[in-house]
Amino acid sequence: MTAGPKVANDSFGSSEVPNESFATLDTTAAGKGLPAPFLGLVLAMGLSSFGDAVWLIALSVTLVGTAGPTLAGLVLALGSLPKVLTLLVGGAVADRAGPRRVLVTTDLIRAGAMLAGAAGVLLVGPELPLLTALIVVMAVASAFFIPASDALRPNLLPPEHLVRGNAVYLAAVRGGQAAGGALGSWLAGLGGLVTVAVVNGVSFGISAIAAGNTKTLTSKEPRQRVKLRELGREIAEGARYVAQRPALRTAMIVTGLLELSGAGPINLGLVLLGGTAGAGWLLTAMTLGASLAFVVSVKWPPREKAGRLATAGLAAQVGCLALLATGNLVVGIAAFFTLGLVAGLTALVLVSLAQRWSTKEMRGRVMSILALFTLAATPIGNLLIGVLVETLGVPLTMFAHAAVALVALALLVATPALGRAALTEEKQS
């Protein structure tokens, strides 16, 4: 594949590949490292994720102690619904008001909610209505934050650094989550819910400062007033935008199927396949594979052959899921390591392509749709594996998940513009 434009103009059907987001880039940025403001944002996101993970553990412990395990589980499960229901609204608002402004606003709202929640718990105790209100506020704010964050990153990075930037960003977020999960119980026991909420609120404040300090490489962000009566039309406009572009539409579907095929085996499969003794080994293998995916994508980011890498990654995921049907722990460890590697690389490519293939004016809505596919796949996948194991048994269940990944692979192969796509800077004619 030569070094010219790597994404053909028929990638979106009759539409041309949007390149205005990159036509005005400062060419001196090419070849340099990731910009300092972006790295500051990354560090702030890692800290924020750490605070979130600690808060979730402290909240879960408090809810169980206050309302009992059944009601606590119901409250946490229902608390995720506002995020799913408002994701598309968050994408539309990011496009109208500007993603950086939305990031700063949502971080400030979350910081205020955490500090107010800490004060409320200090005054009246961990009452269920108060905790439920906090869960809803944080979920809705997160629904606005996610598409804004995904839409902002391409504006902060030169095109050739987009995959590396996404990898570093996601590694910081997941690293913060892992650290918070590991230390959450200890910190919650040490300081209680009030202290954890204050720490989380401070982390959101730092994140807001970092987001406000970012400098985009393109023209200024939009600054339009959000009109509630127009949000429905703008959301529908975003859905049509995706639906009318074959490669972008397929990337969304493939991402959803990728998550759906792996969610159950990765989450519940740890225990189903490894048992109490082997689950830790499988989780370690998965973590090592995901860590290697991060190293590979930072050191050797996929560029000219990004689409081919996604194709190979999906093919490997099909094989790994099928191998899990053997029930052998050693085979499972190898399969989980490979799954961590290829799933991470494939998801990075697909997210980066969706960012590149969206105009700046539509990117928030596009990324909100992608986030909806991803978030919806996890609970559906967890429910699916439970039902299938009860009816088919573990081996056939793993083959069924491999078949889902195979459908995703077939869709990708059947869309040449996606399979041949690259993540290099396009030359201007």
Foldseek 3Di string as FASTA:
>chain_A
DDDFAQFDLCQFPPGGFDDQLAPLFDVVQPPDDADPLLVLLLLLLLLLLLLVLLLVVLLLVQCCVPPNNVVSVVLLVVLLVLLLVCLLLLLLCCLAANLLVLLLVLLLQLLVLLLVLLVVCVVPNDDPVSSSVNSNSNSNSVSNNQLSVLLCQVQQHNLVCSLLSVLSSVCSNVVSNVNSNVCNVVVCVVPNNSVSSNSSSVSSNSSSVSSVPGDTRGDDHHHHDDDPVCSVVSLVVLVVSQVSTLNSVLLLVLLLLLLLLVQQCLPVVLCVLQNPVLSVLLVVLLVQLLVVLSVCCNVPNFFQQLLQLLLVLLVLLLVLLLQSLVSDSVSSSVSSNSNSNSSNSNNSSSSSVLNSRDDSSNSSSSSSSSVSSNVVSNVVSNVVLVVCCVPPNDNVSSNVSSVSSVVSSVSSVVSVSSNRGGRDNHDDD
